[in-house]
Amino acid sequence: MEAHEAATPEELADILEVAYALAADLGVSPEQLENIRAAKASQRGGFTKRIVWTGNCH
């Protein structure tokens, strides 16, 4: 099975539930979490192009 086939919307929703629960433990609402995510994406870019920085090459 390819990765995109395994990532069903239901499984992605489960990941969001985990993120929301972790945020709640820190006293952060889902709305606050989204605002933080959006600000970081605006400043640093997001992951929509699936490009991930892994560090400097030496």
PDB file of N, CA and C in Angstrom:
ATOM      1  N   MET A   1       0.841  -1.178   0.000  1.00  0.00           N
ATOM      2  CA  MET A   1       0.000   0.000   0.000  1.00  0.00           C
ATOM      3  C   MET A   1       0.887   1.242   0.000  1.00  0.00           C
ATOM      4  N   GLU A   2       0.579   2.215  -0.846  1.00  0.00           N
ATOM      5  CA  GLU A   2       1.339   3.451  -0.906  1.00  0.00           C
ATOM      6  C   GLU A   2       0.920   4.374   0.225  1.00  0.00           C
ATOM      7  N   ALA A   3       1.800   5.312   0.575  1.00  0.00           N
ATOM      8  CA  ALA A   3       1.549   6.209   1.708  1.00  0.00           C
ATOM      9  C   ALA A   3       0.254   6.995   1.535  1.00  0.00           C
ATOM     10  N   HIS A   4      -0.017   7.485   0.329  1.00  0.00           N
ATOM     11  CA  HIS A   4      -1.221   8.299   0.151  1.00  0.00           C
ATOM     12  C   HIS A   4      -2.488   7.469   0.285  1.00  0.00           C
ATOM     13  N   GLU A   5      -2.414   6.177   0.028  1.00  0.00           N
ATOM     14  CA  GLU A   5      -3.580   5.317   0.203  1.00  0.00           C
ATOM     15  C   GLU A   5      -3.853   5.073   1.684  1.00  0.00           C
ATOM     16  N   ALA A   6      -2.808   5.053   2.505  1.00  0.00           N
ATOM     17  CA  ALA A   6      -2.966   4.786   3.931  1.00  0.00           C
ATOM     18  C   ALA A   6      -3.479   6.012   4.679  1.00  0.00           C
ATOM     19  N   ALA A   7      -3.265   7.197   4.136  1.00  0.00           N
ATOM     20  CA  ALA A   7      -3.641   8.438   4.815  1.00  0.00           C
ATOM     21  C   ALA A   7      -5.077   8.812   4.480  1.00  0.00           C
ATOM     22  N   THR A   8      -6.017   8.080   5.025  1.00  0.00           N
ATOM     23  CA  THR A   8      -7.422   8.383   4.795  1.00  0.00           C
ATOM     24  C   THR A   8      -7.832   9.589   5.614  1.00  0.00           C
ATOM     25  N   PRO A   9      -8.900  10.262   5.229  1.00  0.00           N
ATOM     26  CA  PRO A   9      -9.362  11.414   6.019  1.00  0.00           C
ATOM     27  C   PRO A   9      -9.641  11.051   7.478  1.00  0.00           C
ATOM     28  N   GLU A  10     -10.130   9.853   7.728  1.00  0.00           N
ATOM     29  CA  GLU A  10     -10.406   9.446   9.102  1.00  0.00           C
ATOM     30  C   GLU A  10      -9.123   9.359   9.926  1.00  0.00           C
ATOM     31  N   GLU A  11      -8.066   8.854   9.335  1.00  0.00           N
ATOM     32  CA  GLU A  11      -6.787   8.764  10.046  1.00  0.00           C
ATOM     33  C   GLU A  11      -6.192  10.145  10.273  1.00  0.00           C
ATOM     34  N   LEU A  12      -6.354  11.019   9.308  1.00  0.00           N
ATOM     35  CA  LEU A  12      -5.881  12.390   9.482  1.00  0.00           C
ATOM     36  C   LEU A  12      -6.663  13.087  10.593  1.00  0.00           C
ATOM     37  N   ALA A  13      -7.955  12.809  10.683  1.00  0.00           N
ATOM     38  CA  ALA A  13      -8.769  13.370  11.762  1.00  0.00           C
ATOM     39  C   ALA A  13      -8.271  12.880  13.117  1.00  0.00           C
ATOM     40  N   ASP A  14      -7.844  11.621  13.193  1.00  0.00           N
ATOM     41  CA  ASP A  14      -7.284  11.090  14.438  1.00  0.00           C
ATOM     42  C   ASP A  14      -6.019  11.866  14.837  1.00  0.00           C
ATOM     43  N   ILE A  15      -5.198  12.192  13.854  1.00  0.00           N
ATOM     44  CA  ILE A  15      -3.976  12.949  14.131  1.00  0.00           C
ATOM     45  C   ILE A  15      -4.333  14.328  14.675  1.00  0.00           C
ATOM     46  N   LEU A  16      -5.358  14.949  14.090  1.00  0.00           N
ATOM     47  CA  LEU A  16      -5.804  16.246  14.604  1.00  0.00           C
ATOM     48  C   LEU A  16      -6.293  16.140  16.039  1.00  0.00           C
ATOM     49  N   GLU A  17      -7.014  15.081  16.344  1.00  0.00           N
ATOM     50  CA  GLU A  17      -7.500  14.879  17.718  1.00  0.00           C
ATOM     51  C   GLU A  17      -6.338  14.798  18.699  1.00  0.00           C
ATOM     52  N   VAL A  18      -5.280  14.111  18.310  1.00  0.00           N
ATOM     53  CA  VAL A  18      -4.091  14.018  19.168  1.00  0.00           C
ATOM     54  C   VAL A  18      -3.469  15.403  19.343  1.00  0.00           C
ATOM     55  N   ALA A  19      -3.320  16.149  18.244  1.00  0.00           N
ATOM     56  CA  ALA A  19      -2.744  17.493  18.323  1.00  0.00           C
ATOM     57  C   ALA A  19      -3.596  18.396  19.197  1.00  0.00           C
ATOM     58  N   TYR A  20      -4.920  18.331  19.057  1.00  0.00           N
ATOM     59  CA  TYR A  20      -5.809  19.156  19.874  1.00  0.00           C
ATOM     60  C   TYR A  20      -5.718  18.778  21.344  1.00  0.00           C
ATOM     61  N   ALA A  21      -5.603  17.498  21.637  1.00  0.00           N
ATOM     62  CA  ALA A  21      -5.481  17.053  23.033  1.00  0.00           C
ATOM     63  C   ALA A  21      -4.170  17.542  23.642  1.00  0.00           C
ATOM     64  N   LEU A  22      -3.077  17.448  22.882  1.00  0.00           N
ATOM     65  CA  LEU A  22      -1.790  17.942  23.375  1.00  0.00           C
ATOM     66  C   LEU A  22      -1.840  19.455  23.594  1.00  0.00           C
ATOM     67  N   ALA A  23      -2.462  20.160  22.672  1.00  0.00           N
ATOM     68  CA  ALA A  23      -2.599  21.614  22.812  1.00  0.00           C
ATOM     69  C   ALA A  23      -3.433  21.951  24.043  1.00  0.00           C
ATOM     70  N   ALA A  24      -4.517  21.228  24.262  1.00  0.00           N
ATOM     71  CA  ALA A  24      -5.372  21.479  25.427  1.00  0.00           C
ATOM     72  C   ALA A  24      -4.595  21.303  26.716  1.00  0.00           C
ATOM     73  N   ASP A  25      -3.702  20.318  26.762  1.00  0.00           N
ATOM     74  CA  ASP A  25      -2.865  20.114  27.948  1.00  0.00           C
ATOM     75  C   ASP A  25      -1.973  21.322  28.217  1.00  0.00           C
ATOM     76  N   LEU A  26      -1.656  22.073  27.173  1.00  0.00           N
ATOM     77  CA  LEU A  26      -0.839  23.279  27.313  1.00  0.00           C
ATOM     78  C   LEU A  26      -1.691  24.528  27.492  1.00  0.00           C
ATOM     79  N   GLY A  27      -3.012  24.349  27.512  1.00  0.00           N
ATOM     80  CA  GLY A  27      -3.915  25.487  27.656  1.00  0.00           C
ATOM     81  C   GLY A  27      -4.127  26.250  26.365  1.00  0.00           C
ATOM     82  N   VAL A  28      -3.927  25.583  25.236  1.00  0.00           N
ATOM     83  CA  VAL A  28      -4.055  26.210  23.920  1.00  0.00           C
ATOM     84  C   VAL A  28      -5.314  25.668  23.248  1.00  0.00           C
ATOM     85  N   SER A  29      -6.176  26.578  22.790  1.00  0.00           N
ATOM     86  CA  SER A  29      -7.406  26.170  22.113  1.00  0.00           C
ATOM     87  C   SER A  29      -7.107  25.782  20.664  1.00  0.00           C
ATOM     88  N   PRO A  30      -8.033  25.056  20.030  1.00  0.00           N
ATOM     89  CA  PRO A  30      -7.836  24.740  18.604  1.00  0.00           C
ATOM     90  C   PRO A  30      -7.664  26.005  17.753  1.00  0.00           C
ATOM     91  N   GLU A  31      -8.380  27.070  18.111  1.00  0.00           N
ATOM     92  CA  GLU A  31      -8.264  28.327  17.366  1.00  0.00           C
ATOM     93  C   GLU A  31      -6.887  28.951  17.545  1.00  0.00           C
ATOM     94  N   GLN A  32      -6.385  28.936  18.779  1.00  0.00           N
ATOM     95  CA  GLN A  32      -5.039  29.459  19.029  1.00  0.00           C
ATOM     96  C   GLN A  32      -3.996  28.634  18.288  1.00  0.00           C
ATOM     97  N   LEU A  33      -4.166  27.326  18.306  1.00  0.00           N
ATOM     98  CA  LEU A  33      -3.233  26.445  17.608  1.00  0.00           C
ATOM     99  C   LEU A  33      -3.214  26.753  16.114  1.00  0.00           C
ATOM    100  N   GLU A  34      -4.383  26.966  15.540  1.00  0.00           N
ATOM    101  CA  GLU A  34      -4.469  27.304  14.110  1.00  0.00           C
ATOM    102  C   GLU A  34      -3.796  28.636  13.831  1.00  0.00           C
ATOM    103  N   ASN A  35      -3.978  29.611  14.715  1.00  0.00           N
ATOM    104  CA  ASN A  35      -3.327  30.909  14.531  1.00  0.00           C
ATOM    105  C   ASN A  35      -1.811  30.777  14.572  1.00  0.00           C
ATOM    106  N   ILE A  36      -1.309  29.969  15.491  1.00  0.00           N
ATOM    107  CA  ILE A  36       0.134  29.725  15.587  1.00  0.00           C
ATOM    108  C   ILE A  36       0.629  29.043  14.321  1.00  0.00           C
ATOM    109  N   ARG A  37      -0.116  28.015  13.859  1.00  0.00           N
ATOM    110  CA  ARG A  37       0.270  27.290  12.649  1.00  0.00           C
ATOM    111  C   ARG A  37       0.320  28.222  11.444  1.00  0.00           C
ATOM    112  N   ALA A  38      -0.717  29.062  11.304  1.00  0.00           N
ATOM    113  CA  ALA A  38      -0.794  29.973  10.164  1.00  0.00           C
ATOM    114  C   ALA A  38       0.338  30.992  10.189  1.00  0.00           C
ATOM    115  N   ALA A  39       0.660  31.504  11.378  1.00  0.00           N
ATOM    116  CA  ALA A  39       1.743  32.475  11.487  1.00  0.00           C
ATOM    117  C   ALA A  39       3.081  31.842  11.104  1.00  0.00           C
ATOM    118  N   LYS A  40       3.326  30.627  11.584  1.00  0.00           N
ATOM    119  CA  LYS A  40       4.573  29.942  11.240  1.00  0.00           C
ATOM    120  C   LYS A  40       4.644  29.659   9.747  1.00  0.00           C
ATOM    121  N   ALA A  41       3.527  29.243   9.160  1.00  0.00           N
ATOM    122  CA  ALA A  41       3.513  28.961   7.721  1.00  0.00           C
ATOM    123  C   ALA A  41       3.778  30.226   6.926  1.00  0.00           C
ATOM    124  N   SER A  42       3.238  31.344   7.406  1.00  0.00           N
ATOM    125  CA  SER A  42       3.447  32.614   6.723  1.00  0.00           C
ATOM    126  C   SER A  42       4.908  33.051   6.804  1.00  0.00           C
ATOM    127  N   GLN A  43       5.518  32.848   7.968  1.00  0.00           N
ATOM    128  CA  GLN A  43       6.902  33.276   8.179  1.00  0.00           C
ATOM    129  C   GLN A  43       7.911  32.323   7.547  1.00  0.00           C
ATOM    130  N   ARG A  44       7.658  31.031   7.697  1.00  0.00           N
ATOM    131  CA  ARG A  44       8.662  30.027   7.305  1.00  0.00           C
ATOM    132  C   ARG A  44       8.249  29.149   6.147  1.00  0.00           C
ATOM    133  N   GLY A  45       7.028  29.295   5.699  1.00  0.00           N
ATOM    134  CA  GLY A  45       6.516  28.409   4.668  1.00  0.00           C
ATOM    135  C   GLY A  45       5.863  27.202   5.309  1.00  0.00           C
ATOM    136  N   GLY A  46       5.094  26.500   4.522  1.00  0.00           N
ATOM    137  CA  GLY A  46       4.398  25.329   5.033  1.00  0.00           C
ATOM    138  C   GLY A  46       4.959  24.057   4.434  1.00  0.00           C
ATOM    139  N   PHE A  47       4.144  23.038   4.474  1.00  0.00           N
ATOM    140  CA  PHE A  47       4.567  21.733   3.976  1.00  0.00           C
ATOM    141  C   PHE A  47       3.769  21.297   2.746  1.00  0.00           C
ATOM    142  N   THR A  48       3.073  22.233   2.109  1.00  0.00           N
ATOM    143  CA  THR A  48       2.228  21.863   0.976  1.00  0.00           C
ATOM    144  C   THR A  48       3.029  21.328  -0.206  1.00  0.00           C
ATOM    145  N   LYS A  49       4.272  21.744  -0.334  1.00  0.00           N
ATOM    146  CA  LYS A  49       5.108  21.247  -1.434  1.00  0.00           C
ATOM    147  C   LYS A  49       5.919  20.036  -1.010  1.00  0.00           C
ATOM    148  N   ARG A  50       5.703  19.589   0.236  1.00  0.00           N
ATOM    149  CA  ARG A  50       6.377  18.415   0.791  1.00  0.00           C
ATOM    150  C   ARG A  50       7.886  18.530   0.769  1.00  0.00           C
ATOM    151  N   ILE A  51       8.373  19.753   0.922  1.00  0.00           N
ATOM    152  CA  ILE A  51       9.803  19.986   1.022  1.00  0.00           C
ATOM    153  C   ILE A  51      10.108  20.199   2.501  1.00  0.00           C
ATOM    154  N   VAL A  52      10.987  19.390   3.044  1.00  0.00           N
ATOM    155  CA  VAL A  52      11.308  19.448   4.460  1.00  0.00           C
ATOM    156  C   VAL A  52      12.802  19.676   4.623  1.00  0.00           C
ATOM    157  N   TRP A  53      13.177  20.710   5.372  1.00  0.00           N
ATOM    158  CA  TRP A  53      14.573  20.977   5.641  1.00  0.00           C
ATOM    159  C   TRP A  53      15.084  19.986   6.663  1.00  0.00           C
ATOM    160  N   THR A  54      16.190  19.329   6.376  1.00  0.00           N
ATOM    161  CA  THR A  54      16.736  18.316   7.285  1.00  0.00           C
ATOM    162  C   THR A  54      18.053  18.752   7.899  1.00  0.00           C
ATOM    163  N   GLY A  55      18.469  19.972   7.688  1.00  0.00           N
ATOM    164  CA  GLY A  55      19.694  20.470   8.291  1.00  0.00           C
ATOM    165  C   GLY A  55      20.702  20.887   7.236  1.00  0.00           C
ATOM    166  N   ASN A  56      21.750  21.493   7.705  1.00  0.00           N
ATOM    167  CA  ASN A  56      22.812  21.925   6.799  1.00  0.00           C
ATOM    168  C   ASN A  56      23.701  20.756   6.420  1.00  0.00           C
ATOM    169  N   CYS A  57      24.079  20.700   5.186  1.00  0.00           N
ATOM    170  CA  CYS A  57      25.007  19.677   4.721  1.00  0.00           C
ATOM    171  C   CYS A  57      26.431  20.202   4.919  1.00  0.00           C
ATOM    172  N   HIS A  58      27.290  19.377   5.400  1.00  0.00           N
ATOM    173  CA  HIS A  58      28.683  19.778   5.610  1.00  0.00           C
ATOM    174  C   HIS A  58      29.576  19.049   4.671  1.00  0.00           C
TER     175      HIS A  58
END
